Amino acid sequence: MVSWLNQPSLTAAQNCSDCLLGADQTQLNSPFGYDEDFASDFASKTSSCGATGYSYTVPGSYSSMPSSTATSTAPLASCTNSYIVQNGDSCYSISTVNNVSTYSIIGPNGLNSNCDNLLAGATICLASSCTLYTVQGTDTCASIISGQGSNITGTQLLAWNPNINSLCGNLYDLKGTFICVR
């Protein structure tokens, strides 16, 4: 599987392998990896592969904060980096100003993938800052890694960005978002 990361695209056999479909299924069963667009793509993929037995349960939302904090203006005691959302903020503007990945704002704070439920006045948790990279539509993990010189490995890229699936097959879906590269 690791050798697949260096390919520009996967073969039909690789896309339909139990290894890849099983990894996608596991991701869809997780509140950290579930996304409606990803679920739709997975349904299409399993159908075109003629694959069966890859059911999943839509997980409930997950937040590292109690839901009552969504309108709080006081920083949370357990949140080392917090931010109070201002009028006009978006996940992208918060990412840029604070040097945090888009996903690190969306996932832990229980926001939807479009981030259109971000509310002014809400206190959100932020991850540690990092060097950001904007995902392009033609990116592969290999191209992102090689663009960073010898400063990043594939393992680091995936560890710093849990929203990238294990084979980097969902990078196109992340187009325009910020990921951490250092």
C-alpha atoms as a PDB file:
ATOM      1  CA  MET A   1       0.000   0.000   0.000  1.00  0.00           C
ATOM      2  CA  VAL A   2       2.777   2.451   0.833  1.00  0.00           C
ATOM      3  CA  SER A   3       4.221   2.111  -2.686  1.00  0.00           C
ATOM      4  CA  TRP A   4       0.864   3.283  -4.047  1.00  0.00           C
ATOM      5  CA  LEU A   5       1.474   6.728  -2.491  1.00  0.00           C
ATOM      6  CA  ASN A   6       4.112   7.466  -5.120  1.00  0.00           C
ATOM      7  CA  GLN A   7       1.877   6.707  -8.079  1.00  0.00           C
ATOM      8  CA  PRO A   8       0.185   9.636  -9.841  1.00  0.00           C
ATOM      9  CA  SER A   9      -3.068   7.653  -9.908  1.00  0.00           C
ATOM     10  CA  LEU A  10      -4.320   4.244  -8.823  1.00  0.00           C
ATOM     11  CA  THR A  11      -5.176   1.430 -11.193  1.00  0.00           C
ATOM     12  CA  ALA A  12      -8.731   0.084 -11.375  1.00  0.00           C
ATOM     13  CA  ALA A  13      -7.608  -3.052  -9.524  1.00  0.00           C
ATOM     14  CA  GLN A  14      -6.043  -0.953  -6.747  1.00  0.00           C
ATOM     15  CA  ASN A  15      -9.144   1.255  -6.484  1.00  0.00           C
ATOM     16  CA  CYS A  16     -11.320  -1.849  -6.121  1.00  0.00           C
ATOM     17  CA  SER A  17      -8.980  -3.734  -3.777  1.00  0.00           C
ATOM     18  CA  ASP A  18     -10.171  -4.823  -0.368  1.00  0.00           C
ATOM     19  CA  CYS A  19      -7.224  -2.935   1.069  1.00  0.00           C
ATOM     20  CA  LEU A  20      -8.437   0.423  -0.258  1.00  0.00           C
ATOM     21  CA  LEU A  21     -12.168  -0.190   0.102  1.00  0.00           C
ATOM     22  CA  GLY A  22     -11.661  -1.470   3.656  1.00  0.00           C
ATOM     23  CA  ALA A  23      -9.620   1.618   4.577  1.00  0.00           C
ATOM     24  CA  ASP A  24     -12.309   3.878   3.135  1.00  0.00           C
ATOM     25  CA  GLN A  25     -15.002   1.933   5.005  1.00  0.00           C
ATOM     26  CA  THR A  26     -13.098   2.368   8.275  1.00  0.00           C
ATOM     27  CA  GLN A  27     -12.736   6.079   7.636  1.00  0.00           C
ATOM     28  CA  LEU A  28     -16.463   6.448   6.930  1.00  0.00           C
ATOM     29  CA  ASN A  29     -17.299   4.713  10.227  1.00  0.00           C
ATOM     30  CA  SER A  30     -15.306   7.325  12.129  1.00  0.00           C
ATOM     31  CA  PRO A  31     -16.647  10.729  13.222  1.00  0.00           C
ATOM     32  CA  PHE A  32     -13.200  12.076  12.285  1.00  0.00           C
ATOM     33  CA  GLY A  33     -13.241  10.710   8.753  1.00  0.00           C
ATOM     34  CA  TYR A  34     -16.891  10.749   7.715  1.00  0.00           C
ATOM     35  CA  ASP A  35     -17.876  13.296   5.100  1.00  0.00           C
ATOM     36  CA  GLU A  36     -21.053  13.268   2.993  1.00  0.00           C
ATOM     37  CA  ASP A  37     -19.137  13.846  -0.257  1.00  0.00           C
ATOM     38  CA  PHE A  38     -16.675  11.075   0.619  1.00  0.00           C
ATOM     39  CA  ALA A  39     -19.605   8.760   1.411  1.00  0.00           C
ATOM     40  CA  SER A  40     -21.169   9.542  -1.969  1.00  0.00           C
ATOM     41  CA  ASP A  41     -17.862   8.885  -3.752  1.00  0.00           C
ATOM     42  CA  PHE A  42     -17.483   5.624  -1.820  1.00  0.00           C
ATOM     43  CA  ALA A  43     -20.979   4.468  -2.839  1.00  0.00           C
ATOM     44  CA  SER A  44     -20.145   5.234  -6.459  1.00  0.00           C
ATOM     45  CA  LYS A  45     -16.808   3.435  -6.193  1.00  0.00           C
ATOM     46  CA  THR A  46     -18.247   0.283  -4.598  1.00  0.00           C
ATOM     47  CA  SER A  47     -20.995   0.229  -7.215  1.00  0.00           C
ATOM     48  CA  SER A  48     -18.592   0.587 -10.151  1.00  0.00           C
ATOM     49  CA  CYS A  49     -16.315  -2.070  -8.622  1.00  0.00           C
ATOM     50  CA  GLY A  50     -19.262  -4.411  -8.042  1.00  0.00           C
ATOM     51  CA  ALA A  51     -18.069  -4.652  -4.437  1.00  0.00           C
ATOM     52  CA  THR A  52     -20.393  -5.725  -1.653  1.00  0.00           C
ATOM     53  CA  GLY A  53     -19.999  -6.046   2.090  1.00  0.00           C
ATOM     54  CA  TYR A  54     -18.678  -2.524   2.658  1.00  0.00           C
ATOM     55  CA  SER A  55     -21.468  -1.072   4.735  1.00  0.00           C
ATOM     56  CA  TYR A  56     -20.876   1.666   7.270  1.00  0.00           C
ATOM     57  CA  THR A  57     -22.889   3.557   9.839  1.00  0.00           C
ATOM     58  CA  VAL A  58     -23.044   7.333   9.640  1.00  0.00           C
ATOM     59  CA  PRO A  59     -21.308   8.308  12.875  1.00  0.00           C
ATOM     60  CA  GLY A  60     -22.695  10.922  15.198  1.00  0.00           C
ATOM     61  CA  SER A  61     -20.940  14.269  15.314  1.00  0.00           C
ATOM     62  CA  TYR A  62     -17.916  14.570  17.533  1.00  0.00           C
ATOM     63  CA  SER A  63     -16.631  17.623  19.275  1.00  0.00           C
ATOM     64  CA  SER A  64     -13.824  18.036  21.753  1.00  0.00           C
ATOM     65  CA  MET A  65     -15.996  20.656  23.432  1.00  0.00           C
ATOM     66  CA  PRO A  66     -19.441  20.364  24.958  1.00  0.00           C
ATOM     67  CA  SER A  67     -22.066  21.643  22.525  1.00  0.00           C
ATOM     68  CA  SER A  68     -23.015  24.460  24.885  1.00  0.00           C
ATOM     69  CA  THR A  69     -19.650  26.141  24.164  1.00  0.00           C
ATOM     70  CA  ALA A  70     -20.679  26.958  20.590  1.00  0.00           C
ATOM     71  CA  THR A  71     -21.961  30.343  21.713  1.00  0.00           C
ATOM     72  CA  SER A  72     -19.584  30.880  24.631  1.00  0.00           C
ATOM     73  CA  THR A  73     -17.149  33.768  24.538  1.00  0.00           C
ATOM     74  CA  ALA A  74     -14.907  32.459  27.333  1.00  0.00           C
ATOM     75  CA  PRO A  75     -11.923  30.293  26.375  1.00  0.00           C
ATOM     76  CA  LEU A  76     -12.229  26.672  27.425  1.00  0.00           C
ATOM     77  CA  ALA A  77      -9.970  25.505  30.247  1.00  0.00           C
ATOM     78  CA  SER A  78      -8.990  22.323  28.357  1.00  0.00           C
ATOM     79  CA  CYS A  79      -8.302  24.153  25.113  1.00  0.00           C
ATOM     80  CA  THR A  80      -4.749  25.495  25.006  1.00  0.00           C
ATOM     81  CA  ASN A  81      -5.269  27.496  21.793  1.00  0.00           C
ATOM     82  CA  SER A  82      -8.677  29.097  21.496  1.00  0.00           C
ATOM     83  CA  TYR A  83     -10.085  31.679  19.162  1.00  0.00           C
ATOM     84  CA  ILE A  84     -13.253  33.750  19.353  1.00  0.00           C
ATOM     85  CA  VAL A  85     -14.924  33.843  15.952  1.00  0.00           C
ATOM     86  CA  GLN A  86     -15.392  37.369  14.625  1.00  0.00           C
ATOM     87  CA  ASN A  87     -18.059  38.641  12.193  1.00  0.00           C
ATOM     88  CA  GLY A  88     -16.944  37.879   8.655  1.00  0.00           C
ATOM     89  CA  ASP A  89     -14.574  35.057   9.677  1.00  0.00           C
ATOM     90  CA  SER A  90     -14.442  31.864   7.662  1.00  0.00           C
ATOM     91  CA  CYS A  91     -12.529  28.682   8.331  1.00  0.00           C
ATOM     92  CA  TYR A  92     -10.141  29.741   5.565  1.00  0.00           C
ATOM     93  CA  SER A  93      -9.479  33.186   7.036  1.00  0.00           C
ATOM     94  CA  ILE A  94      -8.975  31.698  10.511  1.00  0.00           C
ATOM     95  CA  SER A  95      -6.615  29.100   9.009  1.00  0.00           C
ATOM     96  CA  THR A  96      -4.567  31.761   7.264  1.00  0.00           C
ATOM     97  CA  VAL A  97      -4.291  34.153  10.207  1.00  0.00           C
ATOM     98  CA  ASN A  98      -3.485  31.411  12.739  1.00  0.00           C
ATOM     99  CA  ASN A  99      -1.446  29.067  10.481  1.00  0.00           C
ATOM    100  CA  VAL A 100      -3.596  26.028  11.184  1.00  0.00           C
ATOM    101  CA  SER A 101      -5.037  23.527   8.732  1.00  0.00           C
ATOM    102  CA  THR A 102      -8.624  23.922   7.627  1.00  0.00           C
ATOM    103  CA  TYR A 103      -9.475  20.454   8.917  1.00  0.00           C
ATOM    104  CA  SER A 104      -8.062  21.221  12.375  1.00  0.00           C
ATOM    105  CA  ILE A 105     -10.741  23.897  12.641  1.00  0.00           C
ATOM    106  CA  ILE A 106     -13.593  21.884  11.125  1.00  0.00           C
ATOM    107  CA  GLY A 107     -13.097  18.435  12.706  1.00  0.00           C
ATOM    108  CA  PRO A 108     -12.515  19.087  16.408  1.00  0.00           C
ATOM    109  CA  ASN A 109     -15.024  21.927  16.564  1.00  0.00           C
ATOM    110  CA  GLY A 110     -17.907  19.929  15.083  1.00  0.00           C
ATOM    111  CA  LEU A 111     -18.257  22.174  12.029  1.00  0.00           C
ATOM    112  CA  ASN A 112     -19.594  20.875   8.735  1.00  0.00           C
ATOM    113  CA  SER A 113     -17.251  20.432   5.767  1.00  0.00           C
ATOM    114  CA  ASN A 114     -18.335  23.744   4.189  1.00  0.00           C
ATOM    115  CA  CYS A 115     -17.815  25.495   7.521  1.00  0.00           C
ATOM    116  CA  ASP A 116     -21.066  27.395   7.042  1.00  0.00           C
ATOM    117  CA  ASN A 117     -22.137  26.734  10.634  1.00  0.00           C
ATOM    118  CA  LEU A 118     -19.275  28.840  12.062  1.00  0.00           C
ATOM    119  CA  LEU A 119     -20.897  31.387  14.368  1.00  0.00           C
ATOM    120  CA  ALA A 120     -19.555  34.818  15.306  1.00  0.00           C
ATOM    121  CA  GLY A 121     -18.904  34.939  19.044  1.00  0.00           C
ATOM    122  CA  ALA A 122     -18.249  31.195  19.350  1.00  0.00           C
ATOM    123  CA  THR A 123     -15.036  30.062  20.995  1.00  0.00           C
ATOM    124  CA  ILE A 124     -13.283  27.383  18.962  1.00  0.00           C
ATOM    125  CA  CYS A 125     -10.191  25.319  19.656  1.00  0.00           C
ATOM    126  CA  LEU A 126      -7.207  25.699  17.364  1.00  0.00           C
ATOM    127  CA  ALA A 127      -4.399  23.233  16.722  1.00  0.00           C
ATOM    128  CA  SER A 128      -0.760  24.206  16.996  1.00  0.00           C
ATOM    129  CA  SER A 129       0.411  26.379  14.132  1.00  0.00           C
ATOM    130  CA  CYS A 130       2.167  24.844  11.155  1.00  0.00           C
ATOM    131  CA  THR A 131       3.424  25.685   7.695  1.00  0.00           C
ATOM    132  CA  LEU A 132       0.390  25.677   5.406  1.00  0.00           C
ATOM    133  CA  TYR A 133      -0.027  24.405   1.878  1.00  0.00           C
ATOM    134  CA  THR A 134      -3.109  24.954  -0.276  1.00  0.00           C
ATOM    135  CA  VAL A 135      -4.191  21.689  -1.915  1.00  0.00           C
ATOM    136  CA  GLN A 136      -4.412  21.942  -5.705  1.00  0.00           C
ATOM    137  CA  GLY A 137      -6.690  19.825  -7.893  1.00  0.00           C
ATOM    138  CA  THR A 138      -3.757  18.013  -9.507  1.00  0.00           C
ATOM    139  CA  ASP A 139      -1.846  17.268  -6.292  1.00  0.00           C
ATOM    140  CA  THR A 140      -0.714  13.840  -5.212  1.00  0.00           C
ATOM    141  CA  CYS A 141       0.939  13.069  -1.908  1.00  0.00           C
ATOM    142  CA  ALA A 142       4.154  12.523  -3.834  1.00  0.00           C
ATOM    143  CA  SER A 143       3.960  15.951  -5.494  1.00  0.00           C
ATOM    144  CA  ILE A 144       3.247  17.678  -2.189  1.00  0.00           C
ATOM    145  CA  ILE A 145       6.114  15.857  -0.480  1.00  0.00           C
ATOM    146  CA  SER A 146       8.588  16.512  -3.302  1.00  0.00           C
ATOM    147  CA  GLY A 147       7.564  20.179  -3.340  1.00  0.00           C
ATOM    148  CA  GLN A 148       8.684  20.446   0.271  1.00  0.00           C
ATOM    149  CA  GLY A 149      12.204  19.164  -0.417  1.00  0.00           C
ATOM    150  CA  SER A 150      13.526  16.795   2.210  1.00  0.00           C
ATOM    151  CA  ASN A 151      11.552  18.486   4.979  1.00  0.00           C
ATOM    152  CA  ILE A 152       8.617  16.044   5.114  1.00  0.00           C
ATOM    153  CA  THR A 153       7.927  12.332   4.787  1.00  0.00           C
ATOM    154  CA  GLY A 154       4.734  10.609   3.716  1.00  0.00           C
ATOM    155  CA  THR A 155       4.198   9.424   7.272  1.00  0.00           C
ATOM    156  CA  GLN A 156       4.471  12.981   8.580  1.00  0.00           C
ATOM    157  CA  LEU A 157       2.095  14.328   5.927  1.00  0.00           C
ATOM    158  CA  LEU A 158      -0.561  11.787   6.870  1.00  0.00           C
ATOM    159  CA  ALA A 159       0.009  12.193  10.619  1.00  0.00           C
ATOM    160  CA  TRP A 160      -0.288  15.986  10.453  1.00  0.00           C
ATOM    161  CA  ASN A 161      -3.394  15.809   8.256  1.00  0.00           C
ATOM    162  CA  PRO A 162      -5.778  13.063   9.444  1.00  0.00           C
ATOM    163  CA  ASN A 163      -8.320  14.144   6.838  1.00  0.00           C
ATOM    164  CA  ILE A 164      -6.080  12.771   4.067  1.00  0.00           C
ATOM    165  CA  ASN A 165      -6.956   9.111   3.673  1.00  0.00           C
ATOM    166  CA  SER A 166      -4.234   6.475   3.873  1.00  0.00           C
ATOM    167  CA  LEU A 167      -3.687   6.298   0.113  1.00  0.00           C
ATOM    168  CA  CYS A 168      -4.106  10.019  -0.534  1.00  0.00           C
ATOM    169  CA  GLY A 169      -7.059   9.169  -2.748  1.00  0.00           C
ATOM    170  CA  ASN A 170      -9.150  12.062  -1.475  1.00  0.00           C
ATOM    171  CA  LEU A 171      -6.775  14.965  -2.221  1.00  0.00           C
ATOM    172  CA  TYR A 172      -9.006  16.233  -5.034  1.00  0.00           C
ATOM    173  CA  ASP A 173     -11.858  16.545  -2.521  1.00  0.00           C
ATOM    174  CA  LEU A 174      -9.577  18.714  -0.361  1.00  0.00           C
ATOM    175  CA  LYS A 175      -8.782  21.112  -3.214  1.00  0.00           C
ATOM    176  CA  GLY A 176      -8.572  24.681  -1.955  1.00  0.00           C
ATOM    177  CA  THR A 177      -8.178  23.736   1.717  1.00  0.00           C
ATOM    178  CA  PHE A 178      -5.071  24.264   3.813  1.00  0.00           C
ATOM    179  CA  ILE A 179      -3.025  21.319   5.051  1.00  0.00           C
ATOM    180  CA  CYS A 180       0.067  21.221   7.280  1.00  0.00           C
ATOM    181  CA  VAL A 181       3.417  20.456   5.629  1.00  0.00           C
ATOM    182  CA  ARG A 182       5.750  21.284   8.564  1.00  0.00           C
END
